[in-house]
Amino acid sequence: MQFDFMDKRVLVTGGTRGIGRATVEAFLEAGARVAVNGRTAESTAAAVATLGDNKRLSAVPGDIATVAGCEAAVAGALHALGGLDVLINNAGVFKRGPMAECDEGVWTSIIDTNVKGTYFCCRAALAALKAATGTIVNVA
């Protein structure tokens, strides 16, 4: 099945690898303009570079575990794309291993990225998404 997202403006958090990277590729294939978010400027630029020279692609770094990082990623996407039609909250972290080895610091980093990051990205993008009658997709 082919989807048509021609000229739709999409931000994918955690878009540098894994499910996020595949999501970026699918939206590009469907004609969208895509802002790719990664934790650092270096990791985001490297991921975007491997996707080839594509004028519909922008790097928007920001650590989704922080409010400032969420706001930076959304602001970067709005600047690069001129608005936002779709927000894909894909950034996430997980600590593998026994529960007994998951200390408060690890748990806090998981909550900061997976829960707070999703909320604060939505909050930062809300006005733009409302203006475009946009959509939020949360990957869990």
N, C-alpha and C. Protein backbone atom coordinates (compact mmCIF):
# COMPACT_ATOMS: atom_id res chain seq x y z
N MET A 1 0.85 -1.17 0.00
CA MET A 1 0.00 0.00 0.00
C MET A 1 0.90 1.24 0.00
N GLN A 2 0.61 2.18 -0.87
CA GLN A 2 1.38 3.42 -0.96
C GLN A 2 0.58 4.55 -0.32
N PHE A 3 1.22 5.30 0.56
CA PHE A 3 0.60 6.45 1.19
C PHE A 3 1.08 7.72 0.51
N ASP A 4 0.22 8.72 0.46
CA ASP A 4 0.57 9.99 -0.16
C ASP A 4 0.67 11.07 0.91
N PHE A 5 1.88 11.50 1.18
CA PHE A 5 2.13 12.59 2.12
C PHE A 5 2.86 13.73 1.40
N MET A 6 2.56 13.89 0.13
CA MET A 6 3.24 14.88 -0.69
C MET A 6 3.21 16.25 -0.02
N ASP A 7 4.40 16.77 0.23
CA ASP A 7 4.62 18.09 0.82
C ASP A 7 4.08 18.24 2.24
N LYS A 8 3.69 17.16 2.89
CA LYS A 8 3.34 17.24 4.31
C LYS A 8 4.63 17.43 5.10
N ARG A 9 4.54 18.13 6.22
CA ARG A 9 5.69 18.47 7.04
C ARG A 9 5.69 17.59 8.28
N VAL A 10 6.74 16.77 8.42
CA VAL A 10 6.78 15.73 9.44
C VAL A 10 8.04 15.87 10.30
N LEU A 11 7.86 15.78 11.61
CA LEU A 11 8.99 15.71 12.54
C LEU A 11 9.00 14.31 13.15
N VAL A 12 10.15 13.63 13.06
CA VAL A 12 10.32 12.31 13.66
C VAL A 12 11.39 12.42 14.74
N THR A 13 10.98 12.30 16.02
CA THR A 13 11.97 12.29 17.10
C THR A 13 12.60 10.91 17.14
N GLY A 14 13.87 10.86 17.53
CA GLY A 14 14.56 9.58 17.52
C GLY A 14 14.63 9.01 16.12
N GLY A 15 14.80 9.88 15.13
CA GLY A 15 14.74 9.46 13.73
C GLY A 15 16.07 9.05 13.13
N THR A 16 17.11 8.91 13.94
CA THR A 16 18.43 8.62 13.39
C THR A 16 18.72 7.14 13.19
N ARG A 17 17.93 6.27 13.84
CA ARG A 17 18.19 4.83 13.71
C ARG A 17 16.93 4.04 14.06
N GLY A 18 16.98 2.76 13.80
CA GLY A 18 15.89 1.85 14.17
C GLY A 18 14.55 2.21 13.56
N ILE A 19 13.51 2.11 14.39
CA ILE A 19 12.15 2.39 13.94
C ILE A 19 12.02 3.82 13.45
N GLY A 20 12.67 4.75 14.13
CA GLY A 20 12.61 6.15 13.71
C GLY A 20 13.20 6.36 12.33
N ARG A 21 14.33 5.75 12.07
CA ARG A 21 14.97 5.85 10.76
C ARG A 21 14.07 5.26 9.67
N ALA A 22 13.47 4.11 9.93
CA ALA A 22 12.56 3.50 8.97
C ALA A 22 11.34 4.40 8.73
N THR A 23 10.89 5.07 9.78
CA THR A 23 9.76 5.99 9.66
C THR A 23 10.13 7.17 8.77
N VAL A 24 11.32 7.73 8.98
CA VAL A 24 11.81 8.82 8.14
C VAL A 24 11.83 8.38 6.68
N GLU A 25 12.40 7.22 6.41
CA GLU A 25 12.49 6.71 5.04
C GLU A 25 11.11 6.53 4.41
N ALA A 26 10.15 6.02 5.19
CA ALA A 26 8.79 5.80 4.67
C ALA A 26 8.11 7.12 4.33
N PHE A 27 8.27 8.13 5.19
CA PHE A 27 7.66 9.43 4.90
C PHE A 27 8.32 10.08 3.69
N LEU A 28 9.62 9.96 3.55
CA LEU A 28 10.29 10.50 2.37
C LEU A 28 9.77 9.83 1.10
N GLU A 29 9.64 8.51 1.16
CA GLU A 29 9.13 7.76 0.01
C GLU A 29 7.70 8.19 -0.35
N ALA A 30 6.94 8.61 0.66
CA ALA A 30 5.56 9.03 0.44
C ALA A 30 5.46 10.51 0.05
N GLY A 31 6.61 11.18 -0.11
CA GLY A 31 6.60 12.55 -0.60
C GLY A 31 6.66 13.65 0.45
N ALA A 32 6.78 13.27 1.71
CA ALA A 32 6.79 14.27 2.79
C ALA A 32 8.12 15.00 2.86
N ARG A 33 8.08 16.15 3.51
CA ARG A 33 9.29 16.87 3.92
C ARG A 33 9.50 16.49 5.38
N VAL A 34 10.69 16.03 5.73
CA VAL A 34 10.90 15.41 7.03
C VAL A 34 12.03 16.08 7.80
N ALA A 35 11.75 16.41 9.06
CA ALA A 35 12.75 16.88 10.00
C ALA A 35 13.14 15.69 10.87
N VAL A 36 14.42 15.36 10.85
CA VAL A 36 14.95 14.21 11.58
C VAL A 36 15.57 14.70 12.88
N ASN A 37 15.09 14.17 13.99
CA ASN A 37 15.63 14.53 15.29
C ASN A 37 16.53 13.43 15.81
N GLY A 38 17.65 13.85 16.40
CA GLY A 38 18.55 12.97 17.11
C GLY A 38 19.05 13.71 18.34
N ARG A 39 19.67 13.01 19.25
CA ARG A 39 20.08 13.60 20.52
C ARG A 39 21.13 14.71 20.35
N THR A 40 22.08 14.52 19.44
CA THR A 40 23.14 15.52 19.26
C THR A 40 23.18 16.00 17.80
N ALA A 41 23.81 17.15 17.61
CA ALA A 41 23.97 17.68 16.26
C ALA A 41 24.78 16.72 15.40
N GLU A 42 25.79 16.10 16.00
CA GLU A 42 26.66 15.18 15.25
C GLU A 42 25.90 13.92 14.80
N SER A 43 25.18 13.30 15.72
CA SER A 43 24.46 12.07 15.36
C SER A 43 23.35 12.35 14.35
N THR A 44 22.72 13.50 14.50
CA THR A 44 21.63 13.85 13.58
C THR A 44 22.17 14.14 12.19
N ALA A 45 23.24 14.92 12.12
CA ALA A 45 23.85 15.25 10.82
C ALA A 45 24.37 13.99 10.12
N ALA A 46 24.97 13.09 10.88
CA ALA A 46 25.48 11.84 10.30
C ALA A 46 24.35 11.00 9.72
N ALA A 47 23.24 10.90 10.45
CA ALA A 47 22.10 10.12 9.96
C ALA A 47 21.51 10.74 8.70
N VAL A 48 21.36 12.05 8.70
CA VAL A 48 20.80 12.74 7.55
C VAL A 48 21.72 12.57 6.34
N ALA A 49 23.03 12.62 6.56
CA ALA A 49 23.99 12.47 5.46
C ALA A 49 23.87 11.10 4.80
N THR A 50 23.58 10.07 5.58
CA THR A 50 23.47 8.73 5.00
C THR A 50 22.19 8.54 4.20
N LEU A 51 21.24 9.44 4.38
CA LEU A 51 19.99 9.36 3.61
C LEU A 51 20.13 9.99 2.23
N GLY A 52 21.28 10.59 1.96
CA GLY A 52 21.53 11.15 0.63
C GLY A 52 21.14 12.61 0.54
N ASP A 53 21.47 13.18 -0.58
CA ASP A 53 21.18 14.59 -0.83
C ASP A 53 19.70 14.73 -1.15
N ASN A 54 18.95 15.13 -0.16
CA ASN A 54 17.50 15.23 -0.33
C ASN A 54 17.05 16.59 0.19
N LYS A 55 16.51 17.40 -0.66
CA LYS A 55 16.07 18.74 -0.28
C LYS A 55 14.84 18.72 0.63
N ARG A 56 14.23 17.55 0.78
CA ARG A 56 13.05 17.44 1.64
C ARG A 56 13.42 16.95 3.04
N LEU A 57 14.70 17.01 3.38
CA LEU A 57 15.19 16.44 4.63
C LEU A 57 15.96 17.49 5.42
N SER A 58 15.68 17.59 6.73
CA SER A 58 16.36 18.54 7.60
C SER A 58 16.77 17.86 8.89
N ALA A 59 17.92 18.27 9.42
CA ALA A 59 18.41 17.77 10.71
C ALA A 59 17.97 18.74 11.80
N VAL A 60 17.32 18.22 12.84
CA VAL A 60 16.87 19.06 13.96
C VAL A 60 17.24 18.39 15.28
N PRO A 61 18.49 18.59 15.71
CA PRO A 61 18.93 17.94 16.94
C PRO A 61 18.25 18.50 18.18
N GLY A 62 18.21 17.69 19.22
CA GLY A 62 17.69 18.10 20.51
C GLY A 62 17.49 16.88 21.38
N ASP A 63 17.98 16.93 22.60
CA ASP A 63 17.83 15.81 23.53
C ASP A 63 16.41 15.81 24.08
N ILE A 64 15.62 14.85 23.66
CA ILE A 64 14.19 14.78 24.01
C ILE A 64 13.99 14.52 25.50
N ALA A 65 15.04 14.17 26.24
CA ALA A 65 14.94 13.98 27.69
C ALA A 65 14.85 15.30 28.43
N THR A 66 15.01 16.42 27.72
CA THR A 66 14.94 17.73 28.36
C THR A 66 13.89 18.60 27.68
N VAL A 67 13.29 19.49 28.45
CA VAL A 67 12.30 20.41 27.88
C VAL A 67 12.97 21.26 26.81
N ALA A 68 14.16 21.77 27.10
CA ALA A 68 14.87 22.60 26.12
C ALA A 68 15.16 21.83 24.84
N GLY A 69 15.50 20.56 24.95
CA GLY A 69 15.75 19.73 23.77
C GLY A 69 14.51 19.51 22.94
N CYS A 70 13.37 19.30 23.61
CA CYS A 70 12.09 19.15 22.90
C CYS A 70 11.75 20.44 22.16
N GLU A 71 11.90 21.55 22.86
CA GLU A 71 11.58 22.85 22.25
C GLU A 71 12.52 23.14 21.09
N ALA A 72 13.80 22.79 21.21
CA ALA A 72 14.77 23.02 20.13
C ALA A 72 14.43 22.17 18.91
N ALA A 73 14.08 20.91 19.12
CA ALA A 73 13.74 20.03 18.00
C ALA A 73 12.51 20.54 17.26
N VAL A 74 11.47 20.91 18.01
CA VAL A 74 10.24 21.40 17.37
C VAL A 74 10.51 22.74 16.68
N ALA A 75 11.21 23.64 17.34
CA ALA A 75 11.52 24.94 16.73
C ALA A 75 12.34 24.75 15.46
N GLY A 76 13.29 23.84 15.48
CA GLY A 76 14.09 23.55 14.29
C GLY A 76 13.24 23.02 13.16
N ALA A 77 12.31 22.14 13.49
CA ALA A 77 11.41 21.59 12.46
C ALA A 77 10.51 22.68 11.88
N LEU A 78 9.96 23.52 12.75
CA LEU A 78 9.09 24.60 12.28
C LEU A 78 9.86 25.56 11.37
N HIS A 79 11.09 25.86 11.73
CA HIS A 79 11.92 26.75 10.92
C HIS A 79 12.25 26.11 9.56
N ALA A 80 12.67 24.85 9.60
CA ALA A 80 13.09 24.16 8.38
C ALA A 80 11.93 23.84 7.45
N LEU A 81 10.78 23.50 8.03
CA LEU A 81 9.65 23.04 7.23
C LEU A 81 8.58 24.10 7.01
N GLY A 82 8.62 25.17 7.79
CA GLY A 82 7.61 26.21 7.66
C GLY A 82 6.28 25.86 8.29
N GLY A 83 6.28 24.91 9.18
CA GLY A 83 5.07 24.47 9.86
C GLY A 83 5.18 22.99 10.16
N LEU A 84 4.10 22.40 10.63
CA LEU A 84 4.14 20.99 11.00
C LEU A 84 2.76 20.37 10.81
N ASP A 85 2.73 19.25 10.08
CA ASP A 85 1.50 18.50 9.86
C ASP A 85 1.44 17.22 10.69
N VAL A 86 2.61 16.64 10.96
CA VAL A 86 2.67 15.37 11.68
C VAL A 86 3.86 15.40 12.66
N LEU A 87 3.59 15.00 13.89
CA LEU A 87 4.64 14.80 14.89
C LEU A 87 4.67 13.32 15.23
N ILE A 88 5.82 12.70 14.99
CA ILE A 88 6.02 11.30 15.38
C ILE A 88 6.92 11.29 16.61
N ASN A 89 6.36 10.99 17.76
CA ASN A 89 7.14 10.86 19.00
C ASN A 89 7.68 9.44 19.06
N ASN A 90 8.91 9.28 18.59
CA ASN A 90 9.51 7.96 18.53
C ASN A 90 10.70 7.81 19.47
N ALA A 91 11.32 8.92 19.90
CA ALA A 91 12.50 8.84 20.75
C ALA A 91 12.18 8.04 22.01
N GLY A 92 13.06 7.14 22.36
CA GLY A 92 12.83 6.34 23.56
C GLY A 92 14.10 5.63 23.98
N VAL A 93 14.19 5.36 25.27
CA VAL A 93 15.31 4.61 25.82
C VAL A 93 14.77 3.49 26.69
N PHE A 94 15.61 2.46 26.87
CA PHE A 94 15.21 1.34 27.70
C PHE A 94 16.46 0.69 28.26
N LYS A 95 16.44 0.32 29.50
CA LYS A 95 17.55 -0.37 30.16
C LYS A 95 17.21 -1.85 30.21
N ARG A 96 17.99 -2.63 29.51
CA ARG A 96 17.79 -4.08 29.55
C ARG A 96 18.51 -4.66 30.77
N GLY A 97 17.90 -5.65 31.35
CA GLY A 97 18.53 -6.31 32.48
C GLY A 97 17.57 -6.47 33.64
N PRO A 98 18.05 -7.05 34.70
CA PRO A 98 17.19 -7.30 35.87
C PRO A 98 16.69 -6.00 36.51
N MET A 99 15.46 -6.02 36.96
CA MET A 99 14.86 -4.86 37.60
C MET A 99 15.70 -4.40 38.80
N ALA A 100 16.27 -5.34 39.51
CA ALA A 100 17.07 -5.01 40.70
C ALA A 100 18.28 -4.15 40.35
N GLU A 101 18.69 -4.14 39.09
CA GLU A 101 19.86 -3.36 38.67
C GLU A 101 19.48 -2.00 38.08
N CYS A 102 18.21 -1.71 38.06
CA CYS A 102 17.74 -0.43 37.53
C CYS A 102 17.62 0.56 38.69
N ASP A 103 18.64 1.42 38.82
CA ASP A 103 18.62 2.37 39.92
C ASP A 103 17.80 3.61 39.56
N GLU A 104 17.71 4.53 40.48
CA GLU A 104 16.88 5.72 40.28
C GLU A 104 17.35 6.55 39.08
N GLY A 105 18.65 6.66 38.89
CA GLY A 105 19.17 7.43 37.76
C GLY A 105 18.75 6.86 36.42
N VAL A 106 18.82 5.53 36.30
CA VAL A 106 18.39 4.87 35.06
C VAL A 106 16.90 5.07 34.86
N TRP A 107 16.12 4.86 35.92
CA TRP A 107 14.67 5.03 35.83
C TRP A 107 14.30 6.46 35.44
N THR A 108 14.99 7.44 36.02
CA THR A 108 14.73 8.84 35.70
C THR A 108 15.02 9.12 34.24
N SER A 109 16.11 8.58 33.69
CA SER A 109 16.42 8.82 32.28
C SER A 109 15.37 8.20 31.36
N ILE A 110 14.83 7.06 31.75
CA ILE A 110 13.76 6.43 30.96
C ILE A 110 12.51 7.29 30.98
N ILE A 111 12.10 7.74 32.16
CA ILE A 111 10.90 8.58 32.29
C ILE A 111 11.09 9.91 31.59
N ASP A 112 12.27 10.52 31.74
CA ASP A 112 12.53 11.82 31.10
C ASP A 112 12.38 11.74 29.59
N THR A 113 12.89 10.71 28.97
CA THR A 113 12.80 10.58 27.51
C THR A 113 11.44 10.06 27.08
N ASN A 114 11.04 8.94 27.62
CA ASN A 114 9.86 8.23 27.10
C ASN A 114 8.53 8.89 27.47
N VAL A 115 8.45 9.49 28.64
CA VAL A 115 7.19 10.08 29.09
C VAL A 115 7.22 11.60 28.99
N LYS A 116 8.14 12.21 29.71
CA LYS A 116 8.21 13.67 29.69
C LYS A 116 8.54 14.20 28.31
N GLY A 117 9.45 13.53 27.60
CA GLY A 117 9.82 13.97 26.26
C GLY A 117 8.64 13.96 25.31
N THR A 118 7.84 12.93 25.38
CA THR A 118 6.65 12.86 24.53
C THR A 118 5.71 14.02 24.85
N TYR A 119 5.46 14.25 26.12
CA TYR A 119 4.56 15.33 26.53
C TYR A 119 5.09 16.69 26.07
N PHE A 120 6.37 16.96 26.33
CA PHE A 120 6.90 18.29 26.02
C PHE A 120 7.08 18.51 24.52
N CYS A 121 7.30 17.47 23.74
CA CYS A 121 7.29 17.64 22.28
C CYS A 121 5.88 17.98 21.80
N CYS A 122 4.89 17.29 22.34
CA CYS A 122 3.49 17.60 21.98
C CYS A 122 3.16 19.04 22.35
N ARG A 123 3.55 19.44 23.55
CA ARG A 123 3.27 20.80 24.00
C ARG A 123 3.93 21.83 23.09
N ALA A 124 5.18 21.60 22.73
CA ALA A 124 5.90 22.55 21.88
C ALA A 124 5.32 22.62 20.47
N ALA A 125 4.77 21.52 19.99
CA ALA A 125 4.25 21.46 18.61
C ALA A 125 2.76 21.78 18.52
N LEU A 126 2.08 21.89 19.63
CA LEU A 126 0.62 21.97 19.64
C LEU A 126 0.05 23.10 18.77
N ALA A 127 0.56 24.30 18.90
CA ALA A 127 0.00 25.43 18.12
C ALA A 127 0.15 25.19 16.62
N ALA A 128 1.32 24.72 16.21
CA ALA A 128 1.56 24.47 14.78
C ALA A 128 0.67 23.33 14.28
N LEU A 129 0.51 22.30 15.08
CA LEU A 129 -0.33 21.18 14.67
C LEU A 129 -1.80 21.58 14.60
N LYS A 130 -2.25 22.40 15.54
CA LYS A 130 -3.63 22.90 15.49
C LYS A 130 -3.85 23.72 14.23
N ALA A 131 -2.89 24.60 13.90
CA ALA A 131 -3.00 25.46 12.72
C ALA A 131 -3.12 24.63 11.44
N ALA A 132 -2.45 23.49 11.42
CA ALA A 132 -2.46 22.64 10.22
C ALA A 132 -3.46 21.50 10.30
N THR A 133 -4.26 21.47 11.38
CA THR A 133 -5.13 20.32 11.66
C THR A 133 -4.29 19.05 11.58
N GLY A 134 -3.17 19.07 12.30
CA GLY A 134 -2.18 18.01 12.22
C GLY A 134 -2.47 16.82 13.10
N THR A 135 -1.49 15.92 13.10
CA THR A 135 -1.64 14.63 13.76
C THR A 135 -0.42 14.34 14.63
N ILE A 136 -0.65 13.69 15.77
CA ILE A 136 0.42 13.23 16.65
C ILE A 136 0.36 11.71 16.67
N VAL A 137 1.53 11.07 16.47
CA VAL A 137 1.63 9.62 16.58
C VAL A 137 2.68 9.33 17.65
N ASN A 138 2.30 8.61 18.68
CA ASN A 138 3.22 8.22 19.75
C ASN A 138 3.60 6.76 19.57
N VAL A 139 4.89 6.50 19.41
CA VAL A 139 5.38 5.13 19.26
C VAL A 139 5.76 4.64 20.65
N ALA A 140 5.25 3.47 21.01
CA ALA A 140 5.54 2.92 22.33
C ALA A 140 6.01 1.49 22.21
